[in-house]
Amino acid sequence: MPTTAQEAVKPIKSGDNVFVHSAAAIPRHLIAAMTERHSEVRGVNIYIRYTLKVMLHIRT
């Protein structure tokens, strides 16, 4: 089991698709570790899902 962000992103290879979900918080350390590998991998697609909750109870 990975113990660091750098170890966690080692399996990512060129051409992979990476999905990031920010339900609780964006995993900044993992994203930073991925960007540190920019010279090792090419064509990695990163998809970020960000959910906005419409607040219907607010009156204008």
N, C-alpha and C. Protein backbone atom coordinates (compact mmCIF):
# COMPACT_ATOMS: atom_id res chain seq x y z
N MET A 1 0.85 -1.18 0.00
CA MET A 1 0.00 0.00 0.00
C MET A 1 0.89 1.24 0.00
N PRO A 2 0.58 2.23 -0.87
CA PRO A 2 1.41 3.44 -0.94
C PRO A 2 1.40 4.20 0.39
N THR A 3 2.53 4.79 0.71
CA THR A 3 2.62 5.57 1.93
C THR A 3 2.84 7.05 1.66
N THR A 4 3.15 7.40 0.42
CA THR A 4 3.34 8.80 0.07
C THR A 4 2.55 9.10 -1.20
N ALA A 5 2.32 10.37 -1.46
CA ALA A 5 1.63 10.76 -2.68
C ALA A 5 2.44 10.34 -3.91
N GLN A 6 3.76 10.45 -3.83
CA GLN A 6 4.62 10.07 -4.94
C GLN A 6 4.48 8.58 -5.27
N GLU A 7 4.39 7.75 -4.23
CA GLU A 7 4.21 6.31 -4.46
C GLU A 7 2.82 6.01 -5.01
N ALA A 8 1.83 6.78 -4.57
CA ALA A 8 0.45 6.54 -5.01
C ALA A 8 0.26 6.80 -6.49
N VAL A 9 1.03 7.73 -7.07
CA VAL A 9 0.85 8.07 -8.49
C VAL A 9 1.82 7.34 -9.41
N LYS A 10 2.70 6.52 -8.86
CA LYS A 10 3.65 5.77 -9.70
C LYS A 10 2.98 4.89 -10.74
N PRO A 11 1.83 4.25 -10.46
CA PRO A 11 1.21 3.40 -11.47
C PRO A 11 0.65 4.15 -12.68
N ILE A 12 0.52 5.46 -12.61
CA ILE A 12 -0.02 6.22 -13.73
C ILE A 12 1.00 6.20 -14.86
N LYS A 13 0.51 5.80 -16.06
CA LYS A 13 1.39 5.73 -17.21
C LYS A 13 0.86 6.59 -18.35
N SER A 14 1.67 6.80 -19.34
CA SER A 14 1.27 7.63 -20.48
C SER A 14 -0.03 7.11 -21.08
N GLY A 15 -0.92 8.04 -21.41
CA GLY A 15 -2.20 7.70 -22.03
C GLY A 15 -3.31 7.34 -21.06
N ASP A 16 -3.01 7.30 -19.77
CA ASP A 16 -4.03 6.97 -18.77
C ASP A 16 -5.05 8.10 -18.62
N ASN A 17 -6.22 7.73 -18.12
CA ASN A 17 -7.24 8.69 -17.72
C ASN A 17 -7.30 8.69 -16.20
N VAL A 18 -7.24 9.86 -15.60
CA VAL A 18 -7.27 9.99 -14.15
C VAL A 18 -8.50 10.82 -13.79
N PHE A 19 -9.32 10.28 -12.90
CA PHE A 19 -10.53 10.97 -12.46
C PHE A 19 -10.33 11.46 -11.03
N VAL A 20 -10.54 12.75 -10.82
CA VAL A 20 -10.37 13.36 -9.51
C VAL A 20 -11.73 13.87 -9.06
N HIS A 21 -12.14 13.47 -7.87
CA HIS A 21 -13.42 13.92 -7.35
C HIS A 21 -13.16 14.81 -6.14
N SER A 22 -13.89 15.88 -6.06
CA SER A 22 -13.64 16.83 -4.97
C SER A 22 -14.83 16.92 -4.01
N ALA A 23 -15.44 15.79 -3.71
CA ALA A 23 -16.61 15.81 -2.83
C ALA A 23 -16.28 16.40 -1.47
N ALA A 24 -15.20 15.99 -0.88
CA ALA A 24 -14.83 16.50 0.44
C ALA A 24 -13.74 17.56 0.33
N ALA A 25 -12.76 17.28 -0.50
CA ALA A 25 -11.66 18.21 -0.71
C ALA A 25 -10.83 17.73 -1.89
N ILE A 26 -10.27 18.66 -2.63
CA ILE A 26 -9.42 18.28 -3.76
C ILE A 26 -8.12 17.72 -3.19
N PRO A 27 -7.70 16.54 -3.67
CA PRO A 27 -6.46 15.91 -3.15
C PRO A 27 -5.22 16.62 -3.69
N ARG A 28 -4.92 17.78 -3.13
CA ARG A 28 -3.83 18.63 -3.64
C ARG A 28 -2.49 17.91 -3.68
N HIS A 29 -2.20 17.09 -2.67
CA HIS A 29 -0.91 16.40 -2.63
C HIS A 29 -0.77 15.40 -3.77
N LEU A 30 -1.87 14.72 -4.10
CA LEU A 30 -1.83 13.76 -5.21
C LEU A 30 -1.69 14.49 -6.55
N ILE A 31 -2.40 15.59 -6.71
CA ILE A 31 -2.30 16.35 -7.95
C ILE A 31 -0.88 16.91 -8.11
N ALA A 32 -0.31 17.39 -7.03
CA ALA A 32 1.07 17.90 -7.07
C ALA A 32 2.04 16.78 -7.44
N ALA A 33 1.84 15.60 -6.88
CA ALA A 33 2.71 14.46 -7.19
C ALA A 33 2.57 14.06 -8.66
N MET A 34 1.36 14.14 -9.20
CA MET A 34 1.17 13.84 -10.62
C MET A 34 1.92 14.84 -11.49
N THR A 35 1.83 16.12 -11.15
CA THR A 35 2.49 17.13 -11.98
C THR A 35 4.01 17.05 -11.88
N GLU A 36 4.53 16.53 -10.77
CA GLU A 36 5.98 16.34 -10.65
C GLU A 36 6.49 15.33 -11.67
N ARG A 37 5.62 14.46 -12.16
CA ARG A 37 6.01 13.43 -13.12
C ARG A 37 5.81 13.86 -14.57
N HIS A 38 5.63 15.14 -14.82
CA HIS A 38 5.32 15.63 -16.17
C HIS A 38 6.35 15.21 -17.21
N SER A 39 7.59 15.02 -16.83
CA SER A 39 8.61 14.63 -17.82
C SER A 39 8.64 13.11 -18.04
N GLU A 40 7.93 12.34 -17.21
CA GLU A 40 7.94 10.88 -17.31
C GLU A 40 6.78 10.32 -18.12
N VAL A 41 5.66 11.03 -18.13
CA VAL A 41 4.45 10.52 -18.79
C VAL A 41 3.92 11.57 -19.76
N ARG A 42 3.22 11.11 -20.77
CA ARG A 42 2.64 12.00 -21.78
C ARG A 42 1.19 11.60 -22.03
N GLY A 43 0.37 12.58 -22.35
CA GLY A 43 -1.00 12.29 -22.77
C GLY A 43 -1.90 11.76 -21.67
N VAL A 44 -1.64 12.14 -20.44
CA VAL A 44 -2.52 11.74 -19.33
C VAL A 44 -3.68 12.72 -19.29
N ASN A 45 -4.89 12.20 -19.37
CA ASN A 45 -6.10 13.03 -19.30
C ASN A 45 -6.57 13.08 -17.86
N ILE A 46 -6.73 14.28 -17.32
CA ILE A 46 -7.20 14.43 -15.95
C ILE A 46 -8.60 15.04 -16.00
N TYR A 47 -9.55 14.32 -15.43
CA TYR A 47 -10.93 14.76 -15.38
C TYR A 47 -11.26 15.11 -13.93
N ILE A 48 -11.73 16.32 -13.72
CA ILE A 48 -12.07 16.76 -12.37
C ILE A 48 -13.58 16.95 -12.28
N ARG A 49 -14.16 16.30 -11.30
CA ARG A 49 -15.59 16.45 -11.09
C ARG A 49 -15.78 17.39 -9.91
N TYR A 50 -16.48 18.44 -10.19
CA TYR A 50 -16.74 19.44 -9.16
C TYR A 50 -18.24 19.68 -9.13
N THR A 51 -18.84 19.43 -8.00
CA THR A 51 -20.29 19.54 -7.89
C THR A 51 -20.66 20.85 -7.20
N LEU A 52 -21.55 21.57 -7.83
CA LEU A 52 -22.08 22.79 -7.23
C LEU A 52 -23.50 22.51 -6.77
N LYS A 53 -23.78 22.83 -5.55
CA LYS A 53 -25.13 22.64 -5.03
C LYS A 53 -25.91 23.93 -5.20
N VAL A 54 -27.02 23.82 -5.84
CA VAL A 54 -27.89 24.98 -6.01
C VAL A 54 -28.64 25.20 -4.71
N MET A 55 -28.55 26.39 -4.21
CA MET A 55 -29.19 26.69 -2.93
C MET A 55 -30.54 27.32 -3.18
N LEU A 56 -31.55 26.52 -3.22
CA LEU A 56 -32.90 26.98 -3.53
C LEU A 56 -33.56 27.74 -2.37
N HIS A 57 -33.03 27.59 -1.18
CA HIS A 57 -33.66 28.22 -0.03
C HIS A 57 -33.31 29.70 0.11
N ILE A 58 -32.39 30.19 -0.69
CA ILE A 58 -32.00 31.60 -0.61
C ILE A 58 -33.03 32.43 -1.39
N ARG A 59 -33.54 33.42 -0.73
CA ARG A 59 -34.53 34.29 -1.38
C ARG A 59 -33.86 35.57 -1.83
N THR A 60 -34.24 36.03 -3.01
CA THR A 60 -33.65 37.28 -3.52
C THR A 60 -34.59 38.43 -3.32
